[in-house]
Amino acid sequence: MPNHRPLQSATWVFFAWAAFAVAIGAMAAAVIYMPVPPWSRGFVAVAALMLVQASVVLTKTVRDQAESLAEAEQGPAR
């Protein structure tokens, strides 16, 4: 029988998405209202998007690595 992890609660999933939306909105507002030339705002906006993308990739990589280690410790699947 496979080892199942419990699902996240709906409240936690909502909190995670809400926090993400607030962070993106705050960063967008900061970039839009920054008192600098447009090229500087574009640079910061691209850097912010790259940071979000890198965070998603890092999170998935760490999760996959942890799952692989857990599977290796359990031995071969039956």
N, C-alpha and C. Protein backbone atom coordinates (compact mmCIF):
# COMPACT_ATOMS: atom_id res chain seq x y z
N MET A 1 0.84 -1.19 0.00
CA MET A 1 0.00 0.00 0.00
C MET A 1 0.88 1.24 0.00
N PRO A 2 0.68 2.16 -0.93
CA PRO A 2 1.52 3.35 -0.99
C PRO A 2 1.35 4.24 0.23
N ASN A 3 2.42 4.94 0.54
CA ASN A 3 2.41 5.86 1.67
C ASN A 3 1.87 7.21 1.19
N HIS A 4 0.66 7.58 1.59
CA HIS A 4 0.04 8.83 1.15
C HIS A 4 0.24 9.91 2.19
N ARG A 5 0.57 11.09 1.70
CA ARG A 5 0.66 12.24 2.59
C ARG A 5 -0.70 12.91 2.63
N PRO A 6 -1.07 13.46 3.79
CA PRO A 6 -2.36 14.16 3.84
C PRO A 6 -2.34 15.41 2.97
N LEU A 7 -3.49 15.73 2.40
CA LEU A 7 -3.60 16.93 1.57
C LEU A 7 -3.54 18.17 2.44
N GLN A 8 -3.16 19.28 1.83
CA GLN A 8 -3.14 20.56 2.54
C GLN A 8 -4.58 20.99 2.80
N SER A 9 -4.80 21.70 3.89
CA SER A 9 -6.15 22.20 4.16
C SER A 9 -6.48 23.31 3.17
N ALA A 10 -7.76 23.51 2.93
CA ALA A 10 -8.20 24.55 2.00
C ALA A 10 -7.77 25.92 2.51
N THR A 11 -7.77 26.11 3.81
CA THR A 11 -7.36 27.39 4.38
C THR A 11 -5.90 27.67 4.09
N TRP A 12 -5.05 26.66 4.23
CA TRP A 12 -3.63 26.84 3.97
C TRP A 12 -3.37 27.15 2.49
N VAL A 13 -4.05 26.45 1.61
CA VAL A 13 -3.89 26.68 0.17
C VAL A 13 -4.33 28.11 -0.17
N PHE A 14 -5.45 28.56 0.41
CA PHE A 14 -5.91 29.93 0.18
C PHE A 14 -4.87 30.92 0.69
N PHE A 15 -4.33 30.69 1.88
CA PHE A 15 -3.32 31.59 2.44
C PHE A 15 -2.09 31.66 1.54
N ALA A 16 -1.64 30.53 1.04
CA ALA A 16 -0.46 30.50 0.18
C ALA A 16 -0.70 31.32 -1.09
N TRP A 17 -1.84 31.12 -1.74
CA TRP A 17 -2.15 31.88 -2.95
C TRP A 17 -2.36 33.36 -2.65
N ALA A 18 -3.03 33.67 -1.53
CA ALA A 18 -3.25 35.07 -1.16
C ALA A 18 -1.92 35.77 -0.89
N ALA A 19 -1.03 35.11 -0.18
CA ALA A 19 0.28 35.71 0.11
C ALA A 19 1.06 35.94 -1.18
N PHE A 20 0.99 35.00 -2.10
CA PHE A 20 1.65 35.15 -3.38
C PHE A 20 1.08 36.35 -4.15
N ALA A 21 -0.25 36.45 -4.19
CA ALA A 21 -0.90 37.55 -4.91
C ALA A 21 -0.55 38.91 -4.28
N VAL A 22 -0.54 38.99 -2.97
CA VAL A 22 -0.19 40.25 -2.30
C VAL A 22 1.26 40.62 -2.59
N ALA A 23 2.15 39.64 -2.55
CA ALA A 23 3.56 39.92 -2.83
C ALA A 23 3.77 40.40 -4.26
N ILE A 24 3.12 39.75 -5.21
CA ILE A 24 3.23 40.18 -6.61
C ILE A 24 2.65 41.58 -6.78
N GLY A 25 1.50 41.84 -6.16
CA GLY A 25 0.89 43.16 -6.26
C GLY A 25 1.76 44.25 -5.65
N ALA A 26 2.35 43.96 -4.49
CA ALA A 26 3.22 44.94 -3.84
C ALA A 26 4.46 45.21 -4.69
N MET A 27 5.02 44.17 -5.27
CA MET A 27 6.20 44.37 -6.11
C MET A 27 5.84 45.16 -7.37
N ALA A 28 4.70 44.86 -7.95
CA ALA A 28 4.26 45.59 -9.15
C ALA A 28 4.04 47.07 -8.82
N ALA A 29 3.41 47.35 -7.69
CA ALA A 29 3.18 48.74 -7.30
C ALA A 29 4.51 49.46 -7.06
N ALA A 30 5.44 48.77 -6.42
CA ALA A 30 6.75 49.38 -6.16
C ALA A 30 7.46 49.71 -7.47
N VAL A 31 7.39 48.80 -8.43
CA VAL A 31 8.05 49.04 -9.72
C VAL A 31 7.37 50.18 -10.47
N ILE A 32 6.05 50.20 -10.45
CA ILE A 32 5.31 51.23 -11.19
C ILE A 32 5.57 52.62 -10.63
N TYR A 33 5.60 52.74 -9.31
CA TYR A 33 5.73 54.06 -8.68
C TYR A 33 7.16 54.44 -8.31
N MET A 34 8.13 53.63 -8.71
CA MET A 34 9.52 53.96 -8.43
C MET A 34 9.93 55.24 -9.17
N PRO A 35 10.54 56.20 -8.48
CA PRO A 35 10.91 57.45 -9.15
C PRO A 35 12.25 57.34 -9.89
N VAL A 36 12.27 56.49 -10.89
CA VAL A 36 13.49 56.27 -11.68
C VAL A 36 13.10 56.21 -13.15
N PRO A 37 14.09 56.27 -14.05
CA PRO A 37 13.78 56.18 -15.48
C PRO A 37 13.12 54.83 -15.84
N PRO A 38 12.38 54.80 -16.93
CA PRO A 38 11.68 53.57 -17.34
C PRO A 38 12.61 52.36 -17.49
N TRP A 39 13.83 52.54 -18.00
CA TRP A 39 14.72 51.40 -18.18
C TRP A 39 15.08 50.79 -16.83
N SER A 40 15.20 51.60 -15.79
CA SER A 40 15.49 51.07 -14.45
C SER A 40 14.30 50.27 -13.92
N ARG A 41 13.10 50.79 -14.15
CA ARG A 41 11.90 50.06 -13.73
C ARG A 41 11.81 48.72 -14.46
N GLY A 42 12.11 48.72 -15.75
CA GLY A 42 12.09 47.47 -16.52
C GLY A 42 13.09 46.46 -15.99
N PHE A 43 14.28 46.94 -15.62
CA PHE A 43 15.29 46.04 -15.08
C PHE A 43 14.82 45.41 -13.78
N VAL A 44 14.27 46.22 -12.89
CA VAL A 44 13.79 45.71 -11.61
C VAL A 44 12.61 44.75 -11.83
N ALA A 45 11.73 45.06 -12.77
CA ALA A 45 10.58 44.19 -13.05
C ALA A 45 11.05 42.83 -13.56
N VAL A 46 12.01 42.82 -14.47
CA VAL A 46 12.54 41.55 -14.99
C VAL A 46 13.24 40.77 -13.88
N ALA A 47 14.00 41.47 -13.05
CA ALA A 47 14.67 40.80 -11.92
C ALA A 47 13.65 40.20 -10.96
N ALA A 48 12.55 40.90 -10.71
CA ALA A 48 11.51 40.38 -9.83
C ALA A 48 10.86 39.14 -10.43
N LEU A 49 10.58 39.16 -11.73
CA LEU A 49 10.00 37.98 -12.39
C LEU A 49 10.96 36.80 -12.35
N MET A 50 12.24 37.07 -12.55
CA MET A 50 13.24 35.99 -12.47
C MET A 50 13.30 35.42 -11.06
N LEU A 51 13.17 36.27 -10.04
CA LEU A 51 13.19 35.81 -8.65
C LEU A 51 12.00 34.90 -8.36
N VAL A 52 10.84 35.26 -8.86
CA VAL A 52 9.65 34.41 -8.69
C VAL A 52 9.87 33.06 -9.38
N GLN A 53 10.35 33.09 -10.61
CA GLN A 53 10.58 31.85 -11.36
C GLN A 53 11.63 30.98 -10.67
N ALA A 54 12.70 31.58 -10.21
CA ALA A 54 13.75 30.83 -9.54
C ALA A 54 13.25 30.24 -8.22
N SER A 55 12.39 30.96 -7.53
CA SER A 55 11.83 30.45 -6.27
C SER A 55 10.96 29.22 -6.52
N VAL A 56 10.16 29.27 -7.58
CA VAL A 56 9.31 28.12 -7.93
C VAL A 56 10.18 26.91 -8.29
N VAL A 57 11.20 27.12 -9.10
CA VAL A 57 12.08 26.03 -9.51
C VAL A 57 12.83 25.45 -8.31
N LEU A 58 13.34 26.31 -7.43
CA LEU A 58 14.05 25.84 -6.25
C LEU A 58 13.14 25.04 -5.32
N THR A 59 11.92 25.54 -5.12
CA THR A 59 10.96 24.83 -4.27
C THR A 59 10.67 23.45 -4.82
N LYS A 60 10.43 23.34 -6.12
CA LYS A 60 10.14 22.05 -6.74
C LYS A 60 11.35 21.13 -6.65
N THR A 61 12.55 21.66 -6.86
CA THR A 61 13.76 20.85 -6.81
C THR A 61 13.99 20.29 -5.41
N VAL A 62 13.84 21.12 -4.40
CA VAL A 62 14.03 20.67 -3.01
C VAL A 62 12.99 19.62 -2.65
N ARG A 63 11.74 19.84 -3.06
CA ARG A 63 10.68 18.86 -2.79
C ARG A 63 10.97 17.53 -3.46
N ASP A 64 11.35 17.58 -4.75
CA ASP A 64 11.65 16.35 -5.48
C ASP A 64 12.83 15.61 -4.86
N GLN A 65 13.84 16.36 -4.44
CA GLN A 65 15.01 15.74 -3.82
C GLN A 65 14.62 15.06 -2.50
N ALA A 66 13.80 15.72 -1.70
CA ALA A 66 13.35 15.14 -0.43
C ALA A 66 12.52 13.89 -0.67
N GLU A 67 11.64 13.91 -1.68
CA GLU A 67 10.85 12.73 -2.01
C GLU A 67 11.74 11.58 -2.48
N SER A 68 12.76 11.89 -3.28
CA SER A 68 13.67 10.85 -3.76
C SER A 68 14.43 10.22 -2.61
N LEU A 69 14.90 11.04 -1.67
CA LEU A 69 15.61 10.50 -0.50
C LEU A 69 14.69 9.64 0.35
N ALA A 70 13.44 10.06 0.53
CA ALA A 70 12.48 9.29 1.32
C ALA A 70 12.20 7.95 0.65
N GLU A 71 12.05 7.95 -0.66
CA GLU A 71 11.83 6.70 -1.40
C GLU A 71 13.03 5.77 -1.31
N ALA A 72 14.23 6.34 -1.37
CA ALA A 72 15.44 5.53 -1.27
C ALA A 72 15.58 4.89 0.10
N GLU A 73 15.17 5.61 1.14
CA GLU A 73 15.24 5.06 2.50
C GLU A 73 14.22 3.96 2.71
N GLN A 74 13.08 4.01 2.01
CA GLN A 74 12.04 2.99 2.14
C GLN A 74 12.37 1.71 1.41
N GLY A 75 13.28 1.77 0.48
CA GLY A 75 13.64 0.59 -0.30
C GLY A 75 12.81 0.49 -1.56
N PRO A 76 12.99 -0.61 -2.29
CA PRO A 76 12.27 -0.76 -3.57
C PRO A 76 10.76 -0.86 -3.35
N ALA A 77 10.02 -0.39 -4.35
CA ALA A 77 8.54 -0.45 -4.28
C ALA A 77 8.09 -1.89 -4.42
N ARG A 78 7.01 -2.20 -3.77
CA ARG A 78 6.49 -3.58 -3.80
C ARG A 78 5.26 -3.68 -4.61
